[in-house]
Amino acid sequence: MSRKSALRAALLTATILVTPAISGCASAYYGAMESFGMEKRDLLVERVVKAASAQEDAKEEFVSALDAFKAVVDVDGGELEATYNRLNASYESAEKEAERVRTRVKDVQIVSKDLFKEWRKELDQYSSASLRSSSERQLVETEQRYEELERRMLKASASMDPVLNVFKDRVLFLKHNLNSRAIASLEGEAAQIETDVSALIADMERSIAEADAFIKDMRGETA
């Protein structure tokens, strides 16, 4: 069995084990992963990678949704319903990607919390005071680095909601007013939405960059 297949089997086993007893889910999951050489630090890096990827995908969906919205102001009255359908599909896709980002960020938070808790507990196992002190300093530095990463991820995640609300309002407006007057009244909104999405994308790009730097640091890679 390949390592990838073994890991997949371990994940399935952990899922089966934890379903009846939520309180033991973390221990069962981490135990299964550790048996295949996946420590909490490896899981943290993996989840940061996934969170960054989800943010990248969400950024692309928001850009697509913005393009769909801007196209609305250029259509003929006979195309309104088809245009609404396209815009609504873009909104729903963006909303789905936004939820995926939130889930990925929560996954990162769960593993990081468990990793730091374990690390701090294991400090008491040192017999060497100097090694313990060095490890504790490293723990504090890593926690501080992670806190900045988490702050940026949460900021980027929170930035999605106002933009989604703006899109949802306009989609509903079109749904309830499928006529040329509704389209004309939206013309002035495109510039503001473009500004909002640009700010969101900037937040996401900063968060992605911070995630990349954190991943390199955790892997011991040079810049």
Protein backbone atom coordinates (compact mmCIF):
# COMPACT_ATOMS: atom_id res chain seq x y z
CA MET A 1 0.00 0.00 0.00
CA SER A 2 1.38 3.44 -0.98
CA ARG A 3 1.85 6.14 1.67
CA LYS A 4 -0.99 8.17 0.12
CA SER A 5 -3.32 5.17 0.25
CA ALA A 6 -2.25 4.45 3.80
CA LEU A 7 -2.96 8.02 4.84
CA ARG A 8 -6.35 7.89 3.18
CA ALA A 9 -7.12 4.66 5.05
CA ALA A 10 -5.98 6.28 8.30
CA LEU A 11 -8.28 9.23 7.73
CA LEU A 12 -11.20 6.89 7.07
CA THR A 13 -10.39 4.87 10.20
CA ALA A 14 -10.19 8.06 12.28
CA THR A 15 -13.54 9.23 10.92
CA ILE A 16 -15.20 5.92 11.79
CA LEU A 17 -13.68 5.96 15.26
CA VAL A 18 -14.72 9.47 16.14
CA THR A 19 -18.29 9.50 14.83
CA PRO A 20 -19.89 7.93 17.95
CA ALA A 21 -17.87 9.94 20.46
CA ILE A 22 -17.17 13.57 19.69
CA SER A 23 -15.07 14.05 22.83
CA GLY A 24 -12.48 11.57 21.60
CA CYS A 25 -12.38 12.74 17.99
CA ALA A 26 -9.16 14.76 18.23
CA SER A 27 -7.21 11.98 19.94
CA ALA A 28 -8.39 9.34 17.46
CA TYR A 29 -7.62 11.56 14.48
CA TYR A 30 -4.17 12.63 15.67
CA GLY A 31 -3.35 9.07 16.73
CA ALA A 32 -4.18 7.74 13.28
CA MET A 33 -2.15 10.45 11.59
CA GLU A 34 0.86 10.06 13.88
CA SER A 35 0.95 6.32 13.18
CA PHE A 36 1.76 7.28 9.58
CA GLY A 37 4.32 9.93 10.47
CA MET A 38 1.99 12.96 10.31
CA GLU A 39 2.65 15.08 13.39
CA LYS A 40 0.52 18.08 14.39
CA ARG A 41 3.05 20.48 12.88
CA ASP A 42 2.69 18.65 9.52
CA LEU A 43 -1.09 18.84 9.78
CA LEU A 44 -0.89 22.55 10.61
CA VAL A 45 1.24 23.28 7.55
CA GLU A 46 -1.08 21.16 5.40
CA ARG A 47 -4.15 23.06 6.61
CA VAL A 48 -2.49 26.44 6.13
CA VAL A 49 -1.74 25.39 2.54
CA LYS A 50 -5.40 24.42 2.05
CA ALA A 51 -6.62 27.67 3.60
CA ALA A 52 -4.39 29.71 1.29
CA SER A 53 -5.64 27.70 -1.69
CA ALA A 54 -9.26 28.26 -0.66
CA GLN A 55 -8.64 32.00 -0.40
CA GLU A 56 -7.08 32.00 -3.86
CA ASP A 57 -10.12 30.18 -5.29
CA ALA A 58 -12.50 32.55 -3.49
CA LYS A 59 -10.63 35.55 -4.86
CA GLU A 60 -11.14 34.24 -8.40
CA GLU A 61 -14.84 33.63 -7.75
CA PHE A 62 -15.32 37.17 -6.47
CA VAL A 63 -13.62 38.55 -9.57
CA SER A 64 -15.91 36.41 -11.75
CA ALA A 65 -18.96 37.58 -9.82
CA LEU A 66 -17.89 41.18 -10.25
CA ASP A 67 -17.46 40.68 -14.00
CA ALA A 68 -20.94 39.14 -14.17
CA PHE A 69 -22.40 42.09 -12.28
CA LYS A 70 -20.70 44.66 -14.51
CA ALA A 71 -22.06 42.85 -17.57
CA VAL A 72 -25.61 43.36 -16.30
CA VAL A 73 -25.63 47.06 -17.14
CA ASP A 74 -24.91 46.34 -20.81
CA VAL A 75 -27.69 43.90 -21.69
CA ASP A 76 -30.92 44.43 -23.59
CA GLY A 77 -34.28 44.12 -21.87
CA GLY A 78 -35.01 40.79 -23.55
CA GLU A 79 -31.90 39.27 -21.96
CA LEU A 80 -32.69 40.30 -18.39
CA GLU A 81 -33.78 36.92 -17.09
CA ALA A 82 -30.80 35.12 -18.60
CA THR A 83 -28.52 37.80 -17.18
CA TYR A 84 -30.07 37.44 -13.74
CA ASN A 85 -29.51 33.68 -13.90
CA ARG A 86 -25.84 34.16 -14.76
CA LEU A 87 -25.36 36.75 -12.01
CA ASN A 88 -27.15 34.59 -9.43
CA ALA A 89 -25.01 31.59 -10.38
CA SER A 90 -21.88 33.73 -9.94
CA TYR A 91 -23.09 34.91 -6.54
CA GLU A 92 -23.87 31.37 -5.37
CA SER A 93 -20.45 30.19 -6.54
CA ALA A 94 -18.73 33.03 -4.67
CA GLU A 95 -20.77 32.26 -1.56
CA LYS A 96 -19.75 28.60 -1.76
CA GLU A 97 -16.06 29.52 -2.04
CA ALA A 98 -16.40 31.94 0.87
CA GLU A 99 -17.79 29.15 3.06
CA ARG A 100 -14.89 26.92 2.02
CA VAL A 101 -12.47 29.64 3.14
CA ARG A 102 -14.19 29.87 6.53
CA THR A 103 -13.99 26.10 6.95
CA ARG A 104 -10.29 26.01 6.04
CA VAL A 105 -9.50 28.79 8.50
CA LYS A 106 -11.34 26.93 11.28
CA ASP A 107 -9.36 23.78 10.42
CA VAL A 108 -6.11 25.72 10.81
CA GLN A 109 -7.25 27.15 14.15
CA ILE A 110 -8.14 23.72 15.55
CA VAL A 111 -4.79 22.11 14.71
CA SER A 112 -2.72 25.11 15.80
CA LYS A 113 -4.48 25.20 19.17
CA ASP A 114 -3.80 21.50 19.74
CA LEU A 115 -0.19 21.79 18.55
CA PHE A 116 0.67 24.68 20.89
CA LYS A 117 -1.13 23.00 23.79
CA GLU A 118 0.88 19.83 23.29
CA TRP A 119 4.15 21.74 22.85
CA ARG A 120 3.64 23.72 26.07
CA LYS A 121 2.74 20.56 28.00
CA GLU A 122 5.84 18.75 26.74
CA LEU A 123 8.14 21.49 28.06
CA ASP A 124 7.83 19.88 31.49
CA GLN A 125 9.39 16.70 30.12
CA TYR A 126 12.82 18.32 29.67
CA SER A 127 15.55 17.42 32.14
CA SER A 128 17.87 20.05 30.64
CA ALA A 129 16.98 23.57 31.76
CA SER A 130 18.84 25.16 28.85
CA LEU A 131 17.09 23.03 26.23
CA ARG A 132 13.75 23.67 27.87
CA SER A 133 14.39 27.41 27.83
CA SER A 134 15.40 27.30 24.16
CA SER A 135 12.31 25.30 23.21
CA GLU A 136 10.07 27.67 25.16
CA ARG A 137 11.52 30.68 23.34
CA GLN A 138 10.91 28.92 20.03
CA LEU A 139 7.35 28.17 21.10
CA VAL A 140 6.69 31.82 21.94
CA GLU A 141 8.18 32.98 18.62
CA THR A 142 6.13 30.44 16.67
CA GLU A 143 2.95 31.40 18.52
CA GLN A 144 3.56 35.06 17.75
CA ARG A 145 4.17 34.28 14.07
CA TYR A 146 1.02 32.17 13.95
CA GLU A 147 -1.06 34.87 15.66
CA GLU A 148 -0.17 37.28 12.84
CA LEU A 149 -1.08 34.65 10.25
CA GLU A 150 -4.40 33.96 12.00
CA ARG A 151 -5.16 37.69 12.24
CA ARG A 152 -4.66 38.11 8.51
CA MET A 153 -6.69 35.02 7.64
CA LEU A 154 -9.57 36.14 9.84
CA LYS A 155 -9.44 39.66 8.41
CA ALA A 156 -9.56 38.34 4.85
CA SER A 157 -12.38 35.98 5.80
CA ALA A 158 -14.38 38.76 7.47
CA SER A 159 -13.89 40.99 4.43
CA MET A 160 -15.91 38.57 2.33
CA ASP A 161 -19.19 39.15 4.17
CA PRO A 162 -19.81 42.81 3.23
CA VAL A 163 -19.02 42.06 -0.42
CA LEU A 164 -21.31 39.02 -0.41
CA ASN A 165 -24.07 41.13 1.15
CA VAL A 166 -23.71 43.72 -1.60
CA PHE A 167 -23.93 41.05 -4.30
CA LYS A 168 -26.90 39.36 -2.63
CA ASP A 169 -28.82 42.63 -2.39
CA ARG A 170 -28.31 43.34 -6.08
CA VAL A 171 -29.19 39.79 -7.12
CA LEU A 172 -32.44 40.03 -5.15
CA PHE A 173 -33.14 43.44 -6.64
CA LEU A 174 -32.79 42.04 -10.14
CA LYS A 175 -34.91 39.04 -9.24
CA HIS A 176 -37.73 41.30 -8.06
CA ASN A 177 -37.34 43.90 -10.79
CA LEU A 178 -36.53 42.17 -14.04
CA ASN A 179 -36.92 45.21 -16.24
CA SER A 180 -34.81 47.87 -17.90
CA ARG A 181 -35.43 50.40 -15.11
CA ALA A 182 -33.88 48.03 -12.57
CA ILE A 183 -30.80 47.66 -14.73
CA ALA A 184 -30.48 51.40 -15.23
CA SER A 185 -30.66 52.04 -11.48
CA LEU A 186 -27.71 49.70 -10.89
CA GLU A 187 -25.29 51.46 -13.22
CA GLY A 188 -23.83 53.61 -10.46
CA GLU A 189 -23.17 50.61 -8.22
CA ALA A 190 -20.59 48.87 -10.40
CA ALA A 191 -17.73 51.24 -9.49
CA GLN A 192 -18.36 50.89 -5.74
CA ILE A 193 -18.56 47.12 -5.93
CA GLU A 194 -15.35 47.03 -7.94
CA THR A 195 -13.68 49.07 -5.19
CA ASP A 196 -15.01 46.72 -2.50
CA VAL A 197 -13.84 43.63 -4.35
CA SER A 198 -10.41 45.17 -4.99
CA ALA A 199 -10.03 45.79 -1.24
CA LEU A 200 -11.14 42.24 -0.52
CA ILE A 201 -8.67 40.80 -3.00
CA ALA A 202 -5.86 42.89 -1.47
CA ASP A 203 -6.71 41.46 1.98
CA MET A 204 -6.74 37.94 0.59
CA GLU A 205 -3.41 38.40 -1.22
CA ARG A 206 -1.79 39.67 1.99
CA SER A 207 -3.20 36.67 3.88
CA ILE A 208 -1.99 34.25 1.19
CA ALA A 209 1.49 35.80 1.28
CA GLU A 210 1.60 35.48 5.07
CA ALA A 211 0.50 31.84 4.78
CA ASP A 212 3.26 31.13 2.24
CA ALA A 213 5.86 32.70 4.53
CA PHE A 214 4.56 30.71 7.52
CA ILE A 215 4.68 27.47 5.53
CA LYS A 216 8.30 28.12 4.47
CA ASP A 217 9.24 28.95 8.06
CA MET A 218 7.61 25.77 9.41
CA ARG A 219 9.34 23.70 6.73
CA GLY A 220 12.68 25.35 7.40
CA GLU A 221 12.91 26.71 3.88
CA THR A 222 14.81 29.86 3.02
CA ALA A 223 13.05 32.77 1.38
